[in-house]
Amino acid sequence: MPVPTPIALPVSGRKSKKRKKPTEPTAASITRHQPFEFRVIPRSLIIPAPYNPQVMTDYGRKLLRDKIKDVGCLEALVWNETTGHMIGGHNRLAVLDELEGTLTYEVGVAVVHLPLKREMEMNVFLNNQLAQGNFDKDRFVSLLLDEKYPLELTELGFTRIDLELEFGSLPELNLGPSIAESQAAAIADVVAEAEVLAAPRKKEIAILGPAEAPPPAAKKDLTPEEAESQKRAIQKIKEAKRRYAARSEASPEHDVSYFLVITFANTAQRDLFLDSRKLDRNTKYLLAETADV
């Protein structure tokens, strides 16, 4: 008789499982929350959005231009291929146009495809300061005081006035008297000087009463006491001005007397002034170096 072939059975009585081969790691897919494509296109294809409500001062444009010249434009412009409109980056594009000196160059953009209404919404939203966050005062100051890599205000696009508007007084930076204190000192000097010059006239009005106040009269001699008092007051004003000038000379970037305020009789007069110098009618601050003032 033929000998039956033996059958090998698992010791446990269970069927053995085949081991799976290790799979090759797959590359992570890009997030679906960035629905744009980076592309390099001719500048001539980009149409500035005709409804764009954002404006920029001459000073702000100078900051942007200087930084782009120094470091480059580090953010992609946002362009809607559906309409051809720029959505985000109008000011950066204007600076690039100026620096290139022509419109026949190519530029990198984030390409999106949006209907006009959504495009208009995003045009405003991308410039909404509330959606961009604020600076934490302590962290900001720590960057300026960092022992290894202390940052300079000018490189950040800030002035001392900007800092005080953002955070208030910052004694930890040891910048000397605050802008508000310096302005108060300057105003106090002017007020004190005006009071000294008006003192004789005020005395006459106080004696005679408002209804009997005489018209301006010829200058009269002061009594020795009045002359001495006025001399001391004028000397005090001069000393205050000397101290203020010394502070400004020691720290010219902290001097608040570098600006003036021009007030016009009406809006038409203001617009005429701006138009004559080819300036935007929305201009609020004007650098002397950017216009013939």
C-alpha atoms as a PDB file:
ATOM      1  CA  MET A   1       0.000   0.000   0.000  1.00  0.00           C
ATOM      2  CA  PRO A   2       1.176   3.495  -0.704  1.00  0.00           C
ATOM      3  CA  VAL A   3       2.377   5.454   2.337  1.00  0.00           C
ATOM      4  CA  PRO A   4       0.214   8.575   2.926  1.00  0.00           C
ATOM      5  CA  THR A   5       2.008  11.924   2.769  1.00  0.00           C
ATOM      6  CA  PRO A   6       2.245  13.561   6.203  1.00  0.00           C
ATOM      7  CA  ILE A   7       0.483  16.926   6.668  1.00  0.00           C
ATOM      8  CA  ALA A   8       2.232  19.578   8.776  1.00  0.00           C
ATOM      9  CA  LEU A   9      -0.159  21.339  11.133  1.00  0.00           C
ATOM     10  CA  PRO A  10       0.542  24.547  13.179  1.00  0.00           C
ATOM     11  CA  VAL A  11       1.396  23.813  16.774  1.00  0.00           C
ATOM     12  CA  SER A  12      -1.391  26.044  18.021  1.00  0.00           C
ATOM     13  CA  GLY A  13      -3.852  24.628  15.617  1.00  0.00           C
ATOM     14  CA  ARG A  14      -4.409  28.126  14.069  1.00  0.00           C
ATOM     15  CA  LYS A  15      -3.591  29.222  10.562  1.00  0.00           C
ATOM     16  CA  SER A  16      -0.446  31.305  10.352  1.00  0.00           C
ATOM     17  CA  LYS A  17      -0.807  34.932   9.207  1.00  0.00           C
ATOM     18  CA  LYS A  18       1.337  36.342   6.492  1.00  0.00           C
ATOM     19  CA  ARG A  19       3.454  39.293   7.515  1.00  0.00           C
ATOM     20  CA  LYS A  20       2.723  42.519   5.649  1.00  0.00           C
ATOM     21  CA  LYS A  21       5.580  44.119   3.837  1.00  0.00           C
ATOM     22  CA  PRO A  22       6.509  47.546   5.243  1.00  0.00           C
ATOM     23  CA  THR A  23       5.033  50.337   3.102  1.00  0.00           C
ATOM     24  CA  GLU A  24       7.117  53.196   1.791  1.00  0.00           C
ATOM     25  CA  PRO A  25       6.415  56.522   3.577  1.00  0.00           C
ATOM     26  CA  THR A  26       4.216  58.806   1.508  1.00  0.00           C
ATOM     27  CA  ALA A  27       4.717  62.560   1.170  1.00  0.00           C
ATOM     28  CA  ALA A  28       2.210  64.691   3.122  1.00  0.00           C
ATOM     29  CA  SER A  29      -0.349  66.446   0.960  1.00  0.00           C
ATOM     30  CA  ILE A  30      -0.535  70.246   0.974  1.00  0.00           C
ATOM     31  CA  THR A  31      -3.286  71.726   3.120  1.00  0.00           C
ATOM     32  CA  ARG A  32      -6.540  72.419   1.329  1.00  0.00           C
ATOM     33  CA  HIS A  33      -6.721  75.737   3.164  1.00  0.00           C
ATOM     34  CA  GLN A  34      -4.202  77.319   0.801  1.00  0.00           C
ATOM     35  CA  PRO A  35      -6.147  77.271  -2.452  1.00  0.00           C
ATOM     36  CA  PHE A  36      -3.643  79.189  -4.510  1.00  0.00           C
ATOM     37  CA  GLU A  37      -0.927  78.410  -6.989  1.00  0.00           C
ATOM     38  CA  PHE A  38       2.383  80.223  -6.987  1.00  0.00           C
ATOM     39  CA  ARG A  39       3.253  81.397 -10.458  1.00  0.00           C
ATOM     40  CA  VAL A  40       5.546  83.893 -12.176  1.00  0.00           C
ATOM     41  CA  ILE A  41       3.600  86.074 -14.607  1.00  0.00           C
ATOM     42  CA  PRO A  42       4.211  89.210 -16.702  1.00  0.00           C
ATOM     43  CA  ARG A  43       3.543  92.392 -14.737  1.00  0.00           C
ATOM     44  CA  SER A  44       1.354  93.626 -17.584  1.00  0.00           C
ATOM     45  CA  LEU A  45      -1.302  91.015 -16.718  1.00  0.00           C
ATOM     46  CA  ILE A  46      -1.971  92.566 -13.310  1.00  0.00           C
ATOM     47  CA  ILE A  47      -4.748  95.152 -13.067  1.00  0.00           C
ATOM     48  CA  PRO A  48      -4.856  97.190  -9.836  1.00  0.00           C
ATOM     49  CA  ALA A  49      -8.325  96.766  -8.314  1.00  0.00           C
ATOM     50  CA  PRO A  50     -10.274  99.924  -9.263  1.00  0.00           C
ATOM     51  CA  TYR A  51     -12.275  99.777  -6.008  1.00  0.00           C
ATOM     52  CA  ASN A  52      -9.286  99.297  -3.676  1.00  0.00           C
ATOM     53  CA  PRO A  53     -10.017 101.534  -0.645  1.00  0.00           C
ATOM     54  CA  GLN A  54      -6.570 101.347   0.948  1.00  0.00           C
ATOM     55  CA  VAL A  55      -4.320 104.407   0.876  1.00  0.00           C
ATOM     56  CA  MET A  56      -0.778 104.916   2.108  1.00  0.00           C
ATOM     57  CA  THR A  57       0.975 108.062   3.295  1.00  0.00           C
ATOM     58  CA  ASP A  58       4.176 109.283   1.681  1.00  0.00           C
ATOM     59  CA  TYR A  59       6.038 108.368   4.856  1.00  0.00           C
ATOM     60  CA  GLY A  60       4.624 104.838   4.846  1.00  0.00           C
ATOM     61  CA  ARG A  61       5.509 104.379   1.194  1.00  0.00           C
ATOM     62  CA  LYS A  62       9.065 105.530   1.897  1.00  0.00           C
ATOM     63  CA  LEU A  63       9.384 102.942   4.694  1.00  0.00           C
ATOM     64  CA  LEU A  64       8.127 100.208   2.376  1.00  0.00           C
ATOM     65  CA  ARG A  65      10.354 101.256  -0.515  1.00  0.00           C
ATOM     66  CA  ASP A  66      13.466 101.429   1.661  1.00  0.00           C
ATOM     67  CA  LYS A  67      12.821  97.984   3.133  1.00  0.00           C
ATOM     68  CA  ILE A  68      12.154  96.374  -0.276  1.00  0.00           C
ATOM     69  CA  LYS A  69      15.345  97.943  -1.632  1.00  0.00           C
ATOM     70  CA  ASP A  70      17.273  96.617   1.354  1.00  0.00           C
ATOM     71  CA  VAL A  71      15.835  93.115   1.806  1.00  0.00           C
ATOM     72  CA  GLY A  72      13.450  92.523  -1.088  1.00  0.00           C
ATOM     73  CA  CYS A  73       9.719  91.839  -1.365  1.00  0.00           C
ATOM     74  CA  LEU A  74       9.274  88.771   0.847  1.00  0.00           C
ATOM     75  CA  GLU A  75       5.538  88.268   0.365  1.00  0.00           C
ATOM     76  CA  ALA A  76       3.825  87.049  -2.779  1.00  0.00           C
ATOM     77  CA  LEU A  77       1.274  89.372  -4.334  1.00  0.00           C
ATOM     78  CA  VAL A  78      -2.259  87.938  -4.525  1.00  0.00           C
ATOM     79  CA  TRP A  79      -3.733  87.971  -8.044  1.00  0.00           C
ATOM     80  CA  ASN A  80      -7.187  86.860  -9.153  1.00  0.00           C
ATOM     81  CA  GLU A  81      -6.877  85.218 -12.558  1.00  0.00           C
ATOM     82  CA  THR A  82     -10.658  85.305 -12.979  1.00  0.00           C
ATOM     83  CA  THR A  83     -10.774  89.112 -13.237  1.00  0.00           C
ATOM     84  CA  GLY A  84      -7.099  89.990 -13.647  1.00  0.00           C
ATOM     85  CA  HIS A  85      -7.326  92.181 -10.527  1.00  0.00           C
ATOM     86  CA  MET A  86      -4.747  92.491  -7.801  1.00  0.00           C
ATOM     87  CA  ILE A  87      -6.294  91.464  -4.460  1.00  0.00           C
ATOM     88  CA  GLY A  88      -3.419  91.969  -2.034  1.00  0.00           C
ATOM     89  CA  GLY A  89      -0.162  93.862  -2.485  1.00  0.00           C
ATOM     90  CA  HIS A  90      -1.069  97.096  -4.286  1.00  0.00           C
ATOM     91  CA  ASN A  91       1.518  99.172  -2.421  1.00  0.00           C
ATOM     92  CA  ARG A  92       4.244  96.566  -2.848  1.00  0.00           C
ATOM     93  CA  LEU A  93       3.497  96.374  -6.557  1.00  0.00           C
ATOM     94  CA  ALA A  94       3.631 100.180  -6.857  1.00  0.00           C
ATOM     95  CA  VAL A  95       7.071 100.161  -5.204  1.00  0.00           C
ATOM     96  CA  LEU A  96       8.266  97.360  -7.499  1.00  0.00           C
ATOM     97  CA  ASP A  97       7.080  99.373 -10.520  1.00  0.00           C
ATOM     98  CA  GLU A  98       9.022 102.361  -9.249  1.00  0.00           C
ATOM     99  CA  LEU A  99      12.188 100.387  -8.555  1.00  0.00           C
ATOM    100  CA  GLU A 100      12.051  98.515 -11.882  1.00  0.00           C
ATOM    101  CA  GLY A 101      11.306 101.709 -13.795  1.00  0.00           C
ATOM    102  CA  THR A 102       9.156  99.762 -16.272  1.00  0.00           C
ATOM    103  CA  LEU A 103       6.099  97.506 -16.477  1.00  0.00           C
ATOM    104  CA  THR A 104       7.832  94.924 -18.673  1.00  0.00           C
ATOM    105  CA  TYR A 105       9.090  92.613 -15.942  1.00  0.00           C
ATOM    106  CA  GLU A 106       7.867  89.397 -14.364  1.00  0.00           C
ATOM    107  CA  VAL A 107       6.676  89.010 -10.799  1.00  0.00           C
ATOM    108  CA  GLY A 108       5.776  86.102  -8.512  1.00  0.00           C
ATOM    109  CA  VAL A 109       2.123  85.936  -7.472  1.00  0.00           C
ATOM    110  CA  ALA A 110      -0.263  83.712  -5.556  1.00  0.00           C
ATOM    111  CA  VAL A 111      -2.918  82.918  -8.163  1.00  0.00           C
ATOM    112  CA  VAL A 112      -6.527  82.450  -7.030  1.00  0.00           C
ATOM    113  CA  HIS A 113      -9.850  82.091  -8.832  1.00  0.00           C
ATOM    114  CA  LEU A 114     -12.578  84.053  -7.078  1.00  0.00           C
ATOM    115  CA  PRO A 115     -15.858  85.653  -8.139  1.00  0.00           C
ATOM    116  CA  LEU A 116     -15.813  89.452  -8.044  1.00  0.00           C
ATOM    117  CA  LYS A 117     -17.797  89.839  -4.800  1.00  0.00           C
ATOM    118  CA  ARG A 118     -15.547  87.446  -2.880  1.00  0.00           C
ATOM    119  CA  GLU A 119     -12.512  89.144  -4.418  1.00  0.00           C
ATOM    120  CA  MET A 120     -13.704  92.531  -3.127  1.00  0.00           C
ATOM    121  CA  GLU A 121     -14.288  91.094   0.340  1.00  0.00           C
ATOM    122  CA  MET A 122     -10.792  89.633   0.467  1.00  0.00           C
ATOM    123  CA  ASN A 123      -9.246  92.859  -0.815  1.00  0.00           C
ATOM    124  CA  VAL A 124     -10.508  94.619   2.322  1.00  0.00           C
ATOM    125  CA  PHE A 125     -10.038  91.692   4.698  1.00  0.00           C
ATOM    126  CA  LEU A 126      -6.343  91.210   3.844  1.00  0.00           C
ATOM    127  CA  ASN A 127      -5.716  94.750   5.139  1.00  0.00           C
ATOM    128  CA  ASN A 128      -7.889  94.456   8.253  1.00  0.00           C
ATOM    129  CA  GLN A 129      -5.571  95.236  11.171  1.00  0.00           C
ATOM    130  CA  LEU A 130      -7.830  93.390  13.616  1.00  0.00           C
ATOM    131  CA  ALA A 131      -7.266  90.160  11.709  1.00  0.00           C
ATOM    132  CA  GLN A 132      -3.480  90.635  11.812  1.00  0.00           C
ATOM    133  CA  GLY A 133      -3.053  90.840  15.579  1.00  0.00           C
ATOM    134  CA  ASN A 134      -1.275  93.295  17.861  1.00  0.00           C
ATOM    135  CA  PHE A 135       2.159  93.583  19.425  1.00  0.00           C
ATOM    136  CA  ASP A 136       2.723  92.298  22.931  1.00  0.00           C
ATOM    137  CA  LYS A 137       4.475  95.122  24.792  1.00  0.00           C
ATOM    138  CA  ASP A 138       6.804  92.977  26.916  1.00  0.00           C
ATOM    139  CA  ARG A 139       7.923  90.812  24.014  1.00  0.00           C
ATOM    140  CA  PHE A 140       8.390  93.819  21.761  1.00  0.00           C
ATOM    141  CA  VAL A 141      10.562  95.587  24.327  1.00  0.00           C
ATOM    142  CA  SER A 142      12.569  92.403  24.934  1.00  0.00           C
ATOM    143  CA  LEU A 143      13.487  92.347  21.224  1.00  0.00           C
ATOM    144  CA  LEU A 144      14.911  95.857  21.524  1.00  0.00           C
ATOM    145  CA  LEU A 145      16.839  94.960  24.662  1.00  0.00           C
ATOM    146  CA  ASP A 146      18.073  91.517  23.561  1.00  0.00           C
ATOM    147  CA  GLU A 147      21.747  91.201  24.533  1.00  0.00           C
ATOM    148  CA  LYS A 148      22.743  89.038  21.571  1.00  0.00           C
ATOM    149  CA  TYR A 149      20.582  90.433  18.756  1.00  0.00           C
ATOM    150  CA  PRO A 150      19.190  93.831  19.814  1.00  0.00           C
ATOM    151  CA  LEU A 151      16.855  95.185  17.145  1.00  0.00           C
ATOM    152  CA  GLU A 152      16.921  98.780  15.916  1.00  0.00           C
ATOM    153  CA  LEU A 153      13.707 100.800  15.768  1.00  0.00           C
ATOM    154  CA  THR A 154      14.524 102.176  12.331  1.00  0.00           C
ATOM    155  CA  GLU A 155      14.936  98.672  10.913  1.00  0.00           C
ATOM    156  CA  LEU A 156      11.501  97.786  12.250  1.00  0.00           C
ATOM    157  CA  GLY A 157       9.922 100.782  10.555  1.00  0.00           C
ATOM    158  CA  PHE A 158       9.105 102.431  13.892  1.00  0.00           C
ATOM    159  CA  THR A 159       9.908 105.802  15.414  1.00  0.00           C
ATOM    160  CA  ARG A 160       9.779 106.671  19.071  1.00  0.00           C
ATOM    161  CA  ILE A 161       6.471 108.448  18.479  1.00  0.00           C
ATOM    162  CA  ASP A 162       5.063 105.236  16.960  1.00  0.00           C
ATOM    163  CA  LEU A 163       6.159 103.296  20.043  1.00  0.00           C
ATOM    164  CA  GLU A 164       4.509 105.687  22.461  1.00  0.00           C
ATOM    165  CA  LEU A 165       1.300 105.728  20.449  1.00  0.00           C
ATOM    166  CA  GLU A 166       1.314 101.916  20.509  1.00  0.00           C
ATOM    167  CA  PHE A 167       2.429 101.242  24.086  1.00  0.00           C
ATOM    168  CA  GLY A 168       2.545 104.523  25.977  1.00  0.00           C
ATOM    169  CA  SER A 169       5.643 105.550  27.913  1.00  0.00           C
ATOM    170  CA  LEU A 170       8.537 103.063  27.859  1.00  0.00           C
ATOM    171  CA  PRO A 171      10.930 104.025  30.665  1.00  0.00           C
ATOM    172  CA  GLU A 172      12.606 100.604  30.447  1.00  0.00           C
ATOM    173  CA  LEU A 173      14.165 101.634  27.120  1.00  0.00           C
ATOM    174  CA  ASN A 174      15.893 104.599  28.788  1.00  0.00           C
ATOM    175  CA  LEU A 175      15.046 106.984  25.961  1.00  0.00           C
ATOM    176  CA  GLY A 176      14.843 110.052  28.181  1.00  0.00           C
ATOM    177  CA  PRO A 177      11.722 112.226  28.545  1.00  0.00           C
ATOM    178  CA  SER A 178       8.720 110.868  26.664  1.00  0.00           C
ATOM    179  CA  ILE A 179       7.337 112.646  23.609  1.00  0.00           C
ATOM    180  CA  ALA A 180       4.341 113.775  25.647  1.00  0.00           C
ATOM    181  CA  GLU A 181       6.642 115.186  28.346  1.00  0.00           C
ATOM    182  CA  SER A 182       8.790 116.964  25.776  1.00  0.00           C
ATOM    183  CA  GLN A 183       5.730 118.401  24.058  1.00  0.00           C
ATOM    184  CA  ALA A 184       4.328 119.531  27.393  1.00  0.00           C
ATOM    185  CA  ALA A 185       7.628 121.239  28.214  1.00  0.00           C
ATOM    186  CA  ALA A 186       7.694 122.993  24.842  1.00  0.00           C
ATOM    187  CA  ILE A 187       4.072 124.115  25.183  1.00  0.00           C
ATOM    188  CA  ALA A 188       4.705 125.302  28.735  1.00  0.00           C
ATOM    189  CA  ASP A 189       7.605 127.430  27.475  1.00  0.00           C
ATOM    190  CA  VAL A 190       5.413 129.083  24.851  1.00  0.00           C
ATOM    191  CA  VAL A 191       2.571 129.671  27.316  1.00  0.00           C
ATOM    192  CA  ALA A 192       4.938 131.108  29.909  1.00  0.00           C
ATOM    193  CA  GLU A 193       6.467 133.470  27.363  1.00  0.00           C
ATOM    194  CA  ALA A 194       3.039 134.614  26.211  1.00  0.00           C
ATOM    195  CA  GLU A 195       1.950 135.246  29.808  1.00  0.00           C
ATOM    196  CA  VAL A 196       5.045 137.319  30.485  1.00  0.00           C
ATOM    197  CA  LEU A 197       4.462 139.478  27.426  1.00  0.00           C
ATOM    198  CA  ALA A 198       0.762 139.873  28.246  1.00  0.00           C
ATOM    199  CA  ALA A 199       1.229 140.606  31.955  1.00  0.00           C
ATOM    200  CA  PRO A 200       1.135 144.467  31.780  1.00  0.00           C
ATOM    201  CA  ARG A 201      -1.981 144.414  29.592  1.00  0.00           C
ATOM    202  CA  LYS A 202      -3.749 141.898  31.859  1.00  0.00           C
ATOM    203  CA  LYS A 203      -2.992 144.084  34.866  1.00  0.00           C
ATOM    204  CA  GLU A 204      -4.613 147.097  33.209  1.00  0.00           C
ATOM    205  CA  ILE A 205      -7.718 145.099  32.275  1.00  0.00           C
ATOM    206  CA  ALA A 206      -8.018 143.683  35.798  1.00  0.00           C
ATOM    207  CA  ILE A 207      -7.942 147.202  37.270  1.00  0.00           C
ATOM    208  CA  LEU A 208     -10.312 148.911  34.830  1.00  0.00           C
ATOM    209  CA  GLY A 209     -12.643 146.004  34.110  1.00  0.00           C
ATOM    210  CA  PRO A 210     -13.463 144.532  30.670  1.00  0.00           C
ATOM    211  CA  ALA A 211     -15.894 147.276  29.685  1.00  0.00           C
ATOM    212  CA  GLU A 212     -13.405 150.041  30.419  1.00  0.00           C
ATOM    213  CA  ALA A 213     -10.316 148.398  28.940  1.00  0.00           C
ATOM    214  CA  PRO A 214      -8.490 151.025  26.882  1.00  0.00           C
ATOM    215  CA  PRO A 215      -7.220 150.490  23.343  1.00  0.00           C
ATOM    216  CA  PRO A 216      -3.553 149.494  22.969  1.00  0.00           C
ATOM    217  CA  ALA A 217      -1.444 152.335  24.293  1.00  0.00           C
ATOM    218  CA  ALA A 218       2.155 153.303  23.972  1.00  0.00           C
ATOM    219  CA  LYS A 219       4.598 151.268  25.990  1.00  0.00           C
ATOM    220  CA  LYS A 220       4.958 152.683  29.506  1.00  0.00           C
ATOM    221  CA  ASP A 221       7.811 152.374  31.917  1.00  0.00           C
ATOM    222  CA  LEU A 222       7.673 149.543  34.415  1.00  0.00           C
ATOM    223  CA  THR A 223       8.244 149.986  38.106  1.00  0.00           C
ATOM    224  CA  PRO A 224      11.542 148.575  39.365  1.00  0.00           C
ATOM    225  CA  GLU A 225       9.672 145.685  40.952  1.00  0.00           C
ATOM    226  CA  GLU A 226       7.785 144.897  37.705  1.00  0.00           C
ATOM    227  CA  ALA A 227      10.961 145.156  35.633  1.00  0.00           C
ATOM    228  CA  GLU A 228      12.827 142.803  37.955  1.00  0.00           C
ATOM    229  CA  SER A 229       9.928 140.319  37.956  1.00  0.00           C
ATOM    230  CA  GLN A 230       9.731 140.344  34.156  1.00  0.00           C
ATOM    231  CA  LYS A 231      13.496 139.951  33.878  1.00  0.00           C
ATOM    232  CA  ARG A 232      13.425 136.870  36.110  1.00  0.00           C
ATOM    233  CA  ALA A 233      10.519 135.376  34.141  1.00  0.00           C
ATOM    234  CA  ILE A 234      12.264 135.894  30.801  1.00  0.00           C
ATOM    235  CA  GLN A 235      15.471 134.410  32.186  1.00  0.00           C
ATOM    236  CA  LYS A 236      13.485 131.391  33.382  1.00  0.00           C
ATOM    237  CA  ILE A 237      12.009 130.919  29.903  1.00  0.00           C
ATOM    238  CA  LYS A 238      15.435 131.164  28.276  1.00  0.00           C
ATOM    239  CA  GLU A 239      16.829 128.581  30.699  1.00  0.00           C
ATOM    240  CA  ALA A 240      13.943 126.207  29.958  1.00  0.00           C
ATOM    241  CA  LYS A 241      14.522 126.612  26.217  1.00  0.00           C
ATOM    242  CA  ARG A 242      18.249 126.017  26.698  1.00  0.00           C
ATOM    243  CA  ARG A 243      17.597 122.749  28.575  1.00  0.00           C
ATOM    244  CA  TYR A 244      15.094 121.603  25.965  1.00  0.00           C
ATOM    245  CA  ALA A 245      17.529 122.410  23.124  1.00  0.00           C
ATOM    246  CA  ALA A 246      20.278 120.498  24.932  1.00  0.00           C
ATOM    247  CA  ARG A 247      18.041 117.432  25.197  1.00  0.00           C
ATOM    248  CA  SER A 248      17.149 117.641  21.526  1.00  0.00           C
ATOM    249  CA  GLU A 249      20.773 118.084  20.460  1.00  0.00           C
ATOM    250  CA  ALA A 250      21.880 115.109  22.549  1.00  0.00           C
ATOM    251  CA  SER A 251      19.135 112.911  21.107  1.00  0.00           C
ATOM    252  CA  PRO A 252      17.959 114.451  17.812  1.00  0.00           C
ATOM    253  CA  GLU A 253      15.725 111.479  17.062  1.00  0.00           C
ATOM    254  CA  HIS A 254      13.730 112.358  20.180  1.00  0.00           C
ATOM    255  CA  ASP A 255      13.283 116.015  19.253  1.00  0.00           C
ATOM    256  CA  VAL A 256       9.601 116.843  18.749  1.00  0.00           C
ATOM    257  CA  SER A 257      10.197 120.303  17.269  1.00  0.00           C
ATOM    258  CA  TYR A 258      10.961 118.924  13.801  1.00  0.00           C
ATOM    259  CA  PHE A 259       7.378 119.207  12.619  1.00  0.00           C
ATOM    260  CA  LEU A 260       4.737 121.882  12.180  1.00  0.00           C
ATOM    261  CA  VAL A 261       0.973 121.836  11.715  1.00  0.00           C
ATOM    262  CA  ILE A 262      -0.586 123.765   8.836  1.00  0.00           C
ATOM    263  CA  THR A 263      -4.272 124.636   9.166  1.00  0.00           C
ATOM    264  CA  PHE A 264      -6.295 125.690   6.126  1.00  0.00           C
ATOM    265  CA  ALA A 265      -9.383 127.903   6.085  1.00  0.00           C
ATOM    266  CA  ASN A 266     -11.426 125.172   4.431  1.00  0.00           C
ATOM    267  CA  THR A 267     -11.243 121.880   2.544  1.00  0.00           C
ATOM    268  CA  ALA A 268     -11.025 123.595  -0.846  1.00  0.00           C
ATOM    269  CA  GLN A 269      -7.910 125.511   0.236  1.00  0.00           C
ATOM    270  CA  ARG A 270      -6.310 122.297   1.509  1.00  0.00           C
ATOM    271  CA  ASP A 271      -7.088 120.462  -1.744  1.00  0.00           C
ATOM    272  CA  LEU A 272      -5.652 123.351  -3.770  1.00  0.00           C
ATOM    273  CA  PHE A 273      -2.427 123.141  -1.761  1.00  0.00           C
ATOM    274  CA  LEU A 274      -2.148 119.376  -2.272  1.00  0.00           C
ATOM    275  CA  ASP A 275      -3.100 119.529  -5.966  1.00  0.00           C
ATOM    276  CA  SER A 276      -0.487 122.211  -6.661  1.00  0.00           C
ATOM    277  CA  ARG A 277       2.165 119.826  -5.370  1.00  0.00           C
ATOM    278  CA  LYS A 278       0.700 116.767  -7.084  1.00  0.00           C
ATOM    279  CA  LEU A 279      -0.046 115.092  -3.756  1.00  0.00           C
ATOM    280  CA  ASP A 280      -2.883 112.732  -2.911  1.00  0.00           C
ATOM    281  CA  ARG A 281      -5.830 114.555  -1.313  1.00  0.00           C
ATOM    282  CA  ASN A 282      -5.888 111.928   1.440  1.00  0.00           C
ATOM    283  CA  THR A 283      -2.386 112.915   2.554  1.00  0.00           C
ATOM    284  CA  LYS A 284      -2.276 113.454   6.319  1.00  0.00           C
ATOM    285  CA  TYR A 285       1.494 113.629   6.888  1.00  0.00           C
ATOM    286  CA  LEU A 286       4.026 115.152   4.543  1.00  0.00           C
ATOM    287  CA  LEU A 287       7.787 114.728   4.486  1.00  0.00           C
ATOM    288  CA  ALA A 288       9.580 117.914   3.480  1.00  0.00           C
ATOM    289  CA  GLU A 289      11.913 115.878   1.265  1.00  0.00           C
ATOM    290  CA  THR A 290       9.031 114.474  -0.825  1.00  0.00           C
ATOM    291  CA  ALA A 291       7.380 117.739  -1.813  1.00  0.00           C
ATOM    292  CA  ASP A 292       8.140 121.406  -2.335  1.00  0.00           C
ATOM    293  CA  VAL A 293       6.688 122.874   0.810  1.00  0.00           C
END
